[in-house]
Amino acid sequence: MYTFSRVMKEKGIEDAIDAVESINEKKGRTVFTLDIYGQIEDGYKEKFGELQKNFPSYIHYGGLVSYNKSVETLKNYFALLFPTYYQGEGFAGTLIDAMAAGTPVIASDWKCNGEVVVPGKTGVLLKECSTKKIEAELDKIAENPDGWNAMKATTLDEAHRYDPEVAIKPLMDRL
């Protein structure tokens, strides 16, 4: 599993870390790993550095990924965690990157996320997203990984809606 956004509290990074740690402790083994990708927000570097010092072996900061390497980097993961509650959130490109990589999404039902994530087809939207809600969703996935993995093909199909030639067609048809 991975996060793929700016690294800051409001993007839900601490909730993601806490949920993965909690579910692994609850299960008594490493069920989920978490790789964190993205630029660390300037005002969050010290806090994130402190968090990193206490990362268990199954949580790792992977740094920045070049835009042209995102799909290649993310295609081997099974899920994107995107529990954002950032006030300035817009249409999150990370959701499109996840779908193009064939990875379903666990996201907060925040701002435009519901326009991209189709519950049960491309992932899950969590209302009132929190560590406990993420952990509960991870528990469901651990109990039924086949159901989760079945969404991989759908995410790839949905990603094609955002191909430039497909996305621009309605506008071109009107001109």
N, C-alpha and C. Protein backbone atom coordinates (compact mmCIF):
# COMPACT_ATOMS: atom_id res chain seq x y z
N MET A 1 0.85 -1.15 0.00
CA MET A 1 0.00 0.00 0.00
C MET A 1 0.90 1.22 0.00
N TYR A 2 0.37 2.35 -0.47
CA TYR A 2 1.19 3.55 -0.55
C TYR A 2 0.35 4.80 -0.37
N THR A 3 1.04 5.90 -0.02
CA THR A 3 0.48 7.23 -0.13
C THR A 3 1.28 7.92 -1.22
N PHE A 4 0.64 8.84 -1.92
CA PHE A 4 1.29 9.48 -3.07
C PHE A 4 0.77 10.91 -3.16
N SER A 5 1.29 11.78 -2.30
CA SER A 5 0.87 13.18 -2.27
C SER A 5 1.89 13.95 -1.44
N ARG A 6 1.67 15.25 -1.33
CA ARG A 6 2.53 16.00 -0.43
C ARG A 6 2.42 15.37 0.96
N VAL A 7 3.51 15.33 1.66
CA VAL A 7 3.54 14.72 2.98
C VAL A 7 3.30 15.83 4.00
N MET A 8 2.09 15.79 4.58
CA MET A 8 1.68 16.78 5.58
C MET A 8 0.51 16.22 6.37
N LYS A 9 0.32 16.73 7.55
CA LYS A 9 -0.73 16.22 8.43
C LYS A 9 -2.10 16.27 7.75
N GLU A 10 -2.42 17.38 7.09
CA GLU A 10 -3.74 17.55 6.49
C GLU A 10 -4.01 16.61 5.32
N LYS A 11 -3.00 15.97 4.80
CA LYS A 11 -3.20 14.97 3.75
C LYS A 11 -3.47 13.60 4.36
N GLY A 12 -3.55 13.56 5.72
CA GLY A 12 -3.93 12.33 6.41
C GLY A 12 -2.78 11.36 6.63
N ILE A 13 -1.55 11.82 6.51
CA ILE A 13 -0.41 10.91 6.60
C ILE A 13 -0.34 10.24 7.97
N GLU A 14 -0.64 10.99 9.03
CA GLU A 14 -0.56 10.39 10.36
C GLU A 14 -1.66 9.35 10.56
N ASP A 15 -2.84 9.60 10.01
CA ASP A 15 -3.91 8.61 10.07
C ASP A 15 -3.52 7.35 9.32
N ALA A 16 -2.89 7.51 8.16
CA ALA A 16 -2.46 6.35 7.37
C ALA A 16 -1.44 5.52 8.14
N ILE A 17 -0.45 6.19 8.70
CA ILE A 17 0.59 5.50 9.46
C ILE A 17 -0.02 4.79 10.66
N ASP A 18 -0.84 5.50 11.42
CA ASP A 18 -1.44 4.93 12.63
C ASP A 18 -2.33 3.73 12.30
N ALA A 19 -3.08 3.82 11.20
CA ALA A 19 -3.97 2.71 10.83
C ALA A 19 -3.18 1.46 10.46
N VAL A 20 -2.12 1.62 9.69
CA VAL A 20 -1.30 0.48 9.28
C VAL A 20 -0.62 -0.14 10.50
N GLU A 21 -0.08 0.69 11.37
CA GLU A 21 0.53 0.17 12.59
C GLU A 21 -0.49 -0.56 13.45
N SER A 22 -1.67 0.01 13.60
CA SER A 22 -2.70 -0.57 14.46
C SER A 22 -3.20 -1.91 13.93
N ILE A 23 -3.48 -2.00 12.63
CA ILE A 23 -4.00 -3.25 12.08
C ILE A 23 -2.94 -4.35 12.17
N ASN A 24 -1.68 -4.01 11.94
CA ASN A 24 -0.62 -5.01 12.05
C ASN A 24 -0.45 -5.48 13.49
N GLU A 25 -0.57 -4.56 14.45
CA GLU A 25 -0.51 -4.94 15.86
C GLU A 25 -1.69 -5.84 16.22
N LYS A 26 -2.87 -5.45 15.74
CA LYS A 26 -4.09 -6.22 16.02
C LYS A 26 -3.97 -7.65 15.48
N LYS A 27 -3.41 -7.78 14.29
CA LYS A 27 -3.27 -9.10 13.65
C LYS A 27 -2.06 -9.87 14.17
N GLY A 28 -1.15 -9.18 14.86
CA GLY A 28 0.02 -9.85 15.42
C GLY A 28 1.09 -10.20 14.40
N ARG A 29 1.01 -9.57 13.22
CA ARG A 29 1.98 -9.81 12.16
C ARG A 29 1.88 -8.69 11.14
N THR A 30 2.80 -8.66 10.21
CA THR A 30 2.76 -7.65 9.16
C THR A 30 1.80 -8.13 8.07
N VAL A 31 0.63 -7.53 8.06
CA VAL A 31 -0.37 -7.81 7.04
C VAL A 31 -0.25 -6.76 5.93
N PHE A 32 0.02 -5.53 6.34
CA PHE A 32 0.10 -4.41 5.39
C PHE A 32 1.43 -3.69 5.57
N THR A 33 1.99 -3.26 4.46
CA THR A 33 3.14 -2.37 4.47
C THR A 33 2.67 -1.01 3.94
N LEU A 34 3.44 0.02 4.19
CA LEU A 34 3.08 1.36 3.72
C LEU A 34 4.34 2.05 3.21
N ASP A 35 4.31 2.42 1.94
CA ASP A 35 5.37 3.24 1.36
C ASP A 35 4.79 4.63 1.14
N ILE A 36 5.52 5.62 1.60
CA ILE A 36 5.08 7.02 1.54
C ILE A 36 5.90 7.73 0.47
N TYR A 37 5.20 8.29 -0.52
CA TYR A 37 5.86 9.02 -1.60
C TYR A 37 5.36 10.46 -1.60
N GLY A 38 6.26 11.38 -1.87
CA GLY A 38 5.86 12.77 -2.03
C GLY A 38 6.82 13.73 -1.35
N GLN A 39 6.66 14.98 -1.72
CA GLN A 39 7.48 16.04 -1.13
C GLN A 39 6.98 16.33 0.28
N ILE A 40 7.91 16.40 1.21
CA ILE A 40 7.55 16.72 2.58
C ILE A 40 7.36 18.24 2.68
N GLU A 41 6.19 18.64 3.13
CA GLU A 41 5.86 20.06 3.28
C GLU A 41 6.87 20.71 4.22
N ASP A 42 7.34 21.90 3.86
CA ASP A 42 8.37 22.58 4.64
C ASP A 42 8.03 22.66 6.13
N GLY A 43 6.84 23.06 6.47
CA GLY A 43 6.45 23.21 7.87
C GLY A 43 6.21 21.89 8.59
N TYR A 44 6.38 20.78 7.89
CA TYR A 44 6.11 19.46 8.47
C TYR A 44 7.36 18.58 8.54
N LYS A 45 8.48 19.09 8.04
CA LYS A 45 9.71 18.28 7.96
C LYS A 45 10.17 17.79 9.33
N GLU A 46 10.15 18.66 10.32
CA GLU A 46 10.61 18.26 11.66
C GLU A 46 9.69 17.18 12.24
N LYS A 47 8.40 17.39 12.16
CA LYS A 47 7.44 16.41 12.69
C LYS A 47 7.57 15.08 11.96
N PHE A 48 7.66 15.12 10.63
CA PHE A 48 7.77 13.89 9.86
C PHE A 48 9.09 13.17 10.19
N GLY A 49 10.15 13.93 10.39
CA GLY A 49 11.42 13.34 10.79
C GLY A 49 11.31 12.57 12.09
N GLU A 50 10.55 13.13 13.03
CA GLU A 50 10.32 12.44 14.31
C GLU A 50 9.50 11.16 14.10
N LEU A 51 8.49 11.24 13.23
CA LEU A 51 7.69 10.05 12.93
C LEU A 51 8.56 8.96 12.31
N GLN A 52 9.43 9.36 11.37
CA GLN A 52 10.29 8.40 10.68
C GLN A 52 11.19 7.63 11.65
N LYS A 53 11.66 8.30 12.68
CA LYS A 53 12.54 7.66 13.66
C LYS A 53 11.87 6.45 14.31
N ASN A 54 10.54 6.47 14.35
CA ASN A 54 9.79 5.40 15.00
C ASN A 54 9.07 4.47 14.03
N PHE A 55 9.35 4.62 12.73
CA PHE A 55 8.70 3.74 11.75
C PHE A 55 9.10 2.30 12.01
N PRO A 56 8.12 1.40 12.05
CA PRO A 56 8.47 -0.02 12.04
C PRO A 56 9.02 -0.39 10.67
N SER A 57 9.56 -1.58 10.54
CA SER A 57 10.21 -2.00 9.29
C SER A 57 9.26 -2.02 8.09
N TYR A 58 7.96 -2.07 8.32
CA TYR A 58 7.00 -2.16 7.22
C TYR A 58 6.48 -0.79 6.75
N ILE A 59 7.03 0.29 7.30
CA ILE A 59 6.68 1.64 6.82
C ILE A 59 7.96 2.30 6.34
N HIS A 60 7.89 2.90 5.16
CA HIS A 60 9.09 3.43 4.50
C HIS A 60 8.75 4.72 3.76
N TYR A 61 9.63 5.70 3.85
CA TYR A 61 9.50 6.91 3.04
C TYR A 61 10.30 6.71 1.76
N GLY A 62 9.64 6.83 0.61
CA GLY A 62 10.28 6.56 -0.68
C GLY A 62 10.69 7.79 -1.45
N GLY A 63 10.48 8.99 -0.89
CA GLY A 63 10.89 10.21 -1.56
C GLY A 63 9.96 10.62 -2.68
N LEU A 64 10.51 11.35 -3.62
CA LEU A 64 9.74 11.86 -4.76
C LEU A 64 9.79 10.87 -5.92
N VAL A 65 8.72 10.84 -6.68
CA VAL A 65 8.66 10.03 -7.88
C VAL A 65 8.39 10.98 -9.04
N SER A 66 9.19 10.89 -10.06
CA SER A 66 9.01 11.71 -11.25
C SER A 66 7.63 11.42 -11.87
N TYR A 67 6.99 12.47 -12.37
CA TYR A 67 5.65 12.31 -12.94
C TYR A 67 5.60 11.24 -14.02
N ASN A 68 6.66 11.08 -14.78
CA ASN A 68 6.66 10.09 -15.86
C ASN A 68 7.04 8.69 -15.39
N LYS A 69 7.25 8.52 -14.11
CA LYS A 69 7.57 7.21 -13.52
C LYS A 69 6.50 6.76 -12.54
N SER A 70 5.43 7.54 -12.39
CA SER A 70 4.43 7.23 -11.36
C SER A 70 3.76 5.87 -11.59
N VAL A 71 3.26 5.62 -12.77
CA VAL A 71 2.56 4.35 -13.03
C VAL A 71 3.52 3.18 -12.86
N GLU A 72 4.71 3.32 -13.39
CA GLU A 72 5.71 2.26 -13.27
C GLU A 72 6.03 1.97 -11.80
N THR A 73 6.11 3.01 -10.99
CA THR A 73 6.43 2.85 -9.57
C THR A 73 5.26 2.24 -8.80
N LEU A 74 4.05 2.63 -9.13
CA LEU A 74 2.88 2.28 -8.33
C LEU A 74 2.17 1.01 -8.76
N LYS A 75 2.47 0.47 -9.91
CA LYS A 75 1.70 -0.65 -10.46
C LYS A 75 1.80 -1.94 -9.65
N ASN A 76 2.81 -2.07 -8.82
CA ASN A 76 2.95 -3.31 -8.04
C ASN A 76 2.30 -3.24 -6.66
N TYR A 77 1.65 -2.15 -6.35
CA TYR A 77 0.95 -2.01 -5.08
C TYR A 77 -0.49 -2.47 -5.22
N PHE A 78 -1.13 -2.72 -4.10
CA PHE A 78 -2.53 -3.15 -4.17
C PHE A 78 -3.50 -2.05 -3.80
N ALA A 79 -3.03 -0.94 -3.18
CA ALA A 79 -3.96 0.13 -2.80
C ALA A 79 -3.23 1.44 -2.57
N LEU A 80 -3.94 2.53 -2.86
CA LEU A 80 -3.53 3.87 -2.50
C LEU A 80 -4.33 4.28 -1.28
N LEU A 81 -3.65 4.79 -0.26
CA LEU A 81 -4.32 5.40 0.88
C LEU A 81 -4.30 6.91 0.66
N PHE A 82 -5.47 7.53 0.64
CA PHE A 82 -5.56 8.97 0.41
C PHE A 82 -6.59 9.57 1.36
N PRO A 83 -6.24 9.62 2.66
CA PRO A 83 -7.19 10.10 3.67
C PRO A 83 -7.12 11.62 3.89
N THR A 84 -7.07 12.38 2.83
CA THR A 84 -6.89 13.83 2.91
C THR A 84 -8.07 14.54 3.57
N TYR A 85 -7.75 15.61 4.24
CA TYR A 85 -8.74 16.58 4.70
C TYR A 85 -8.16 17.99 4.52
N TYR A 86 -7.28 18.09 3.55
CA TYR A 86 -6.62 19.35 3.22
C TYR A 86 -7.64 20.33 2.62
N GLN A 87 -7.76 21.52 3.22
CA GLN A 87 -8.77 22.50 2.77
C GLN A 87 -8.57 22.93 1.32
N GLY A 88 -7.32 22.97 0.86
CA GLY A 88 -7.05 23.42 -0.50
C GLY A 88 -7.09 22.31 -1.53
N GLU A 89 -7.56 21.14 -1.13
CA GLU A 89 -7.60 20.00 -2.05
C GLU A 89 -8.49 20.32 -3.25
N GLY A 90 -8.02 19.97 -4.42
CA GLY A 90 -8.80 20.13 -5.63
C GLY A 90 -9.08 18.77 -6.23
N PHE A 91 -9.03 18.71 -7.53
CA PHE A 91 -9.18 17.44 -8.23
C PHE A 91 -7.85 16.72 -8.11
N ALA A 92 -7.79 15.68 -7.31
CA ALA A 92 -6.52 15.03 -6.95
C ALA A 92 -6.01 14.12 -8.07
N GLY A 93 -4.94 14.56 -8.70
CA GLY A 93 -4.32 13.77 -9.76
C GLY A 93 -3.80 12.44 -9.27
N THR A 94 -3.50 12.34 -7.99
CA THR A 94 -3.00 11.07 -7.44
C THR A 94 -4.03 9.95 -7.61
N LEU A 95 -5.30 10.29 -7.63
CA LEU A 95 -6.34 9.28 -7.82
C LEU A 95 -6.29 8.72 -9.25
N ILE A 96 -6.03 9.59 -10.21
CA ILE A 96 -5.89 9.15 -11.60
C ILE A 96 -4.63 8.30 -11.76
N ASP A 97 -3.54 8.74 -11.12
CA ASP A 97 -2.30 7.95 -11.16
C ASP A 97 -2.54 6.55 -10.60
N ALA A 98 -3.28 6.47 -9.50
CA ALA A 98 -3.57 5.17 -8.89
C ALA A 98 -4.35 4.28 -9.85
N MET A 99 -5.39 4.84 -10.47
CA MET A 99 -6.19 4.04 -11.39
C MET A 99 -5.37 3.60 -12.61
N ALA A 100 -4.54 4.51 -13.12
CA ALA A 100 -3.70 4.16 -14.27
C ALA A 100 -2.71 3.06 -13.91
N ALA A 101 -2.36 2.97 -12.63
CA ALA A 101 -1.45 1.92 -12.16
C ALA A 101 -2.20 0.65 -11.77
N GLY A 102 -3.54 0.69 -11.83
CA GLY A 102 -4.33 -0.49 -11.47
C GLY A 102 -4.46 -0.70 -9.98
N THR A 103 -4.40 0.37 -9.21
CA THR A 103 -4.51 0.23 -7.76
C THR A 103 -5.78 0.91 -7.26
N PRO A 104 -6.68 0.13 -6.67
CA PRO A 104 -7.86 0.72 -6.05
C PRO A 104 -7.46 1.65 -4.91
N VAL A 105 -8.41 2.49 -4.51
CA VAL A 105 -8.13 3.59 -3.59
C VAL A 105 -8.98 3.49 -2.33
N ILE A 106 -8.34 3.79 -1.20
CA ILE A 106 -9.06 4.03 0.06
C ILE A 106 -8.89 5.52 0.30
N ALA A 107 -9.96 6.28 0.13
CA ALA A 107 -9.87 7.73 0.20
C ALA A 107 -10.94 8.31 1.11
N SER A 108 -10.65 9.49 1.61
CA SER A 108 -11.66 10.23 2.35
C SER A 108 -12.69 10.75 1.35
N ASP A 109 -13.93 10.86 1.79
CA ASP A 109 -14.98 11.44 0.97
C ASP A 109 -14.88 12.95 1.14
N TRP A 110 -13.92 13.53 0.45
CA TRP A 110 -13.54 14.93 0.66
C TRP A 110 -13.42 15.63 -0.66
N LYS A 111 -13.93 16.82 -0.73
CA LYS A 111 -13.84 17.68 -1.93
C LYS A 111 -14.22 16.88 -3.18
N CYS A 112 -13.32 16.74 -4.15
CA CYS A 112 -13.64 16.11 -5.44
C CYS A 112 -13.37 14.61 -5.49
N ASN A 113 -12.95 14.00 -4.40
CA ASN A 113 -12.61 12.57 -4.43
C ASN A 113 -13.77 11.71 -4.93
N GLY A 114 -15.00 12.08 -4.57
CA GLY A 114 -16.17 11.33 -4.98
C GLY A 114 -16.46 11.41 -6.47
N GLU A 115 -15.86 12.35 -7.16
CA GLU A 115 -16.02 12.45 -8.61
C GLU A 115 -15.14 11.44 -9.34
N VAL A 116 -14.13 10.93 -8.64
CA VAL A 116 -13.17 10.02 -9.26
C VAL A 116 -13.32 8.59 -8.74
N VAL A 117 -13.44 8.45 -7.44
CA VAL A 117 -13.53 7.12 -6.83
C VAL A 117 -14.96 6.62 -6.90
N VAL A 118 -15.15 5.47 -7.52
CA VAL A 118 -16.47 4.84 -7.62
C VAL A 118 -16.50 3.70 -6.59
N PRO A 119 -17.23 3.90 -5.49
CA PRO A 119 -17.23 2.88 -4.43
C PRO A 119 -17.59 1.49 -4.96
N GLY A 120 -16.77 0.52 -4.58
CA GLY A 120 -16.98 -0.86 -4.99
C GLY A 120 -16.44 -1.19 -6.36
N LYS A 121 -16.04 -0.17 -7.12
CA LYS A 121 -15.50 -0.40 -8.45
C LYS A 121 -14.04 0.03 -8.56
N THR A 122 -13.73 1.19 -8.01
CA THR A 122 -12.36 1.68 -8.05
C THR A 122 -11.80 1.92 -6.66
N GLY A 123 -12.58 1.59 -5.65
CA GLY A 123 -12.09 1.76 -4.29
C GLY A 123 -13.20 2.03 -3.31
N VAL A 124 -12.84 2.74 -2.25
CA VAL A 124 -13.74 3.02 -1.14
C VAL A 124 -13.60 4.48 -0.75
N LEU A 125 -14.73 5.13 -0.48
CA LEU A 125 -14.74 6.48 0.07
C LEU A 125 -15.17 6.39 1.52
N LEU A 126 -14.37 6.96 2.40
CA LEU A 126 -14.67 6.92 3.82
C LEU A 126 -15.21 8.27 4.29
N LYS A 127 -16.45 8.28 4.75
CA LYS A 127 -17.00 9.48 5.36
C LYS A 127 -16.39 9.58 6.75
N GLU A 128 -16.18 10.78 7.22
CA GLU A 128 -15.57 10.97 8.53
C GLU A 128 -14.30 10.12 8.66
N CYS A 129 -13.43 10.27 7.71
CA CYS A 129 -12.20 9.47 7.64
C CYS A 129 -11.35 9.68 8.89
N SER A 130 -10.91 8.59 9.46
CA SER A 130 -10.08 8.61 10.66
C SER A 130 -9.23 7.35 10.69
N THR A 131 -8.31 7.31 11.65
CA THR A 131 -7.48 6.11 11.81
C THR A 131 -8.36 4.89 11.97
N LYS A 132 -9.38 4.98 12.82
CA LYS A 132 -10.26 3.83 13.09
C LYS A 132 -11.02 3.40 11.83
N LYS A 133 -11.49 4.35 11.03
CA LYS A 133 -12.22 4.01 9.80
C LYS A 133 -11.29 3.35 8.77
N ILE A 134 -10.06 3.87 8.67
CA ILE A 134 -9.10 3.27 7.75
C ILE A 134 -8.77 1.85 8.22
N GLU A 135 -8.53 1.71 9.52
CA GLU A 135 -8.21 0.40 10.08
C GLU A 135 -9.35 -0.60 9.82
N ALA A 136 -10.58 -0.16 10.00
CA ALA A 136 -11.73 -1.05 9.75
C ALA A 136 -11.77 -1.48 8.29
N GLU A 137 -11.47 -0.56 7.37
CA GLU A 137 -11.46 -0.91 5.94
C GLU A 137 -10.33 -1.88 5.64
N LEU A 138 -9.17 -1.66 6.23
CA LEU A 138 -8.04 -2.58 6.03
C LEU A 138 -8.37 -3.96 6.57
N ASP A 139 -9.10 -4.01 7.67
CA ASP A 139 -9.52 -5.29 8.24
C ASP A 139 -10.43 -6.04 7.25
N LYS A 140 -11.36 -5.32 6.62
CA LYS A 140 -12.24 -5.92 5.62
C LYS A 140 -11.42 -6.47 4.44
N ILE A 141 -10.44 -5.69 4.01
CA ILE A 141 -9.61 -6.12 2.89
C ILE A 141 -8.81 -7.35 3.26
N ALA A 142 -8.27 -7.38 4.47
CA ALA A 142 -7.50 -8.55 4.92
C ALA A 142 -8.37 -9.80 4.94
N GLU A 143 -9.65 -9.63 5.26
CA GLU A 143 -10.57 -10.76 5.30
C GLU A 143 -11.04 -11.19 3.91
N ASN A 144 -11.01 -10.27 2.94
CA ASN A 144 -11.48 -10.59 1.59
C ASN A 144 -10.58 -9.92 0.54
N PRO A 145 -9.32 -10.36 0.45
CA PRO A 145 -8.42 -9.73 -0.52
C PRO A 145 -8.85 -9.95 -1.98
N ASP A 146 -9.52 -11.06 -2.26
CA ASP A 146 -9.96 -11.30 -3.63
C ASP A 146 -10.97 -10.26 -4.09
N GLY A 147 -11.87 -9.87 -3.21
CA GLY A 147 -12.85 -8.83 -3.55
C GLY A 147 -12.16 -7.51 -3.86
N TRP A 148 -11.16 -7.17 -3.07
CA TRP A 148 -10.41 -5.94 -3.31
C TRP A 148 -9.63 -6.03 -4.62
N ASN A 149 -8.94 -7.11 -4.82
CA ASN A 149 -8.12 -7.26 -6.02
C ASN A 149 -8.96 -7.31 -7.29
N ALA A 150 -10.22 -7.70 -7.18
CA ALA A 150 -11.10 -7.74 -8.35
C ALA A 150 -11.32 -6.33 -8.93
N MET A 151 -11.10 -5.31 -8.12
CA MET A 151 -11.30 -3.93 -8.60
C MET A 151 -10.15 -3.45 -9.48
N LYS A 152 -9.05 -4.18 -9.53
CA LYS A 152 -7.89 -3.73 -10.30
C LYS A 152 -8.24 -3.48 -11.78
N ALA A 153 -8.95 -4.40 -12.39
CA ALA A 153 -9.31 -4.24 -13.81
C ALA A 153 -10.22 -3.04 -14.01
N THR A 154 -11.13 -2.83 -13.09
CA THR A 154 -12.04 -1.69 -13.19
C THR A 154 -11.30 -0.37 -13.10
N THR A 155 -10.29 -0.32 -12.22
CA THR A 155 -9.52 0.93 -12.10
C THR A 155 -8.82 1.26 -13.42
N LEU A 156 -8.30 0.26 -14.08
CA LEU A 156 -7.64 0.49 -15.37
C LEU A 156 -8.63 0.99 -16.41
N ASP A 157 -9.84 0.40 -16.42
CA ASP A 157 -10.87 0.86 -17.35
C ASP A 157 -11.26 2.30 -17.06
N GLU A 158 -11.46 2.63 -15.79
CA GLU A 158 -11.86 3.98 -15.39
C GLU A 158 -10.78 5.00 -15.73
N ALA A 159 -9.53 4.61 -15.63
CA ALA A 159 -8.42 5.53 -15.91
C ALA A 159 -8.49 6.04 -17.35
N HIS A 160 -9.00 5.24 -18.26
CA HIS A 160 -9.08 5.65 -19.67
C HIS A 160 -10.01 6.85 -19.86
N ARG A 161 -10.95 7.06 -18.95
CA ARG A 161 -11.83 8.23 -19.04
C ARG A 161 -11.04 9.53 -18.97
N TYR A 162 -9.85 9.46 -18.39
CA TYR A 162 -9.02 10.65 -18.19
C TYR A 162 -7.88 10.77 -19.20
N ASP A 163 -7.84 9.86 -20.18
CA ASP A 163 -6.87 10.01 -21.26
C ASP A 163 -7.19 11.33 -21.97
N PRO A 164 -6.18 12.10 -22.34
CA PRO A 164 -6.44 13.41 -22.94
C PRO A 164 -7.41 13.38 -24.12
N GLU A 165 -7.24 12.40 -25.02
CA GLU A 165 -8.11 12.36 -26.20
C GLU A 165 -9.56 12.03 -25.84
N VAL A 166 -9.76 11.30 -24.77
CA VAL A 166 -11.12 10.97 -24.32
C VAL A 166 -11.70 12.15 -23.53
N ALA A 167 -10.92 12.72 -22.65
CA ALA A 167 -11.40 13.81 -21.81
C ALA A 167 -11.75 15.06 -22.61
N ILE A 168 -11.05 15.31 -23.69
CA ILE A 168 -11.29 16.52 -24.47
C ILE A 168 -12.40 16.34 -25.51
N LYS A 169 -12.78 15.11 -25.80
CA LYS A 169 -13.78 14.85 -26.84
C LYS A 169 -15.09 15.60 -26.65
N PRO A 170 -15.69 15.63 -25.45
CA PRO A 170 -16.95 16.40 -25.31
C PRO A 170 -16.79 17.88 -25.68
N LEU A 171 -15.66 18.46 -25.33
CA LEU A 171 -15.43 19.86 -25.69
C LEU A 171 -15.27 20.00 -27.20
N MET A 172 -14.52 19.12 -27.81
CA MET A 172 -14.32 19.19 -29.25
C MET A 172 -15.63 18.97 -30.00
N ASP A 173 -16.48 18.09 -29.51
CA ASP A 173 -17.78 17.84 -30.15
C ASP A 173 -18.66 19.10 -30.14
N ARG A 174 -18.50 19.92 -29.11
CA ARG A 174 -19.31 21.14 -29.01
C ARG A 174 -18.79 22.25 -29.91
N LEU A 175 -17.53 22.18 -30.26
CA LEU A 175 -16.95 23.21 -31.13
C LEU A 175 -17.25 22.86 -32.54
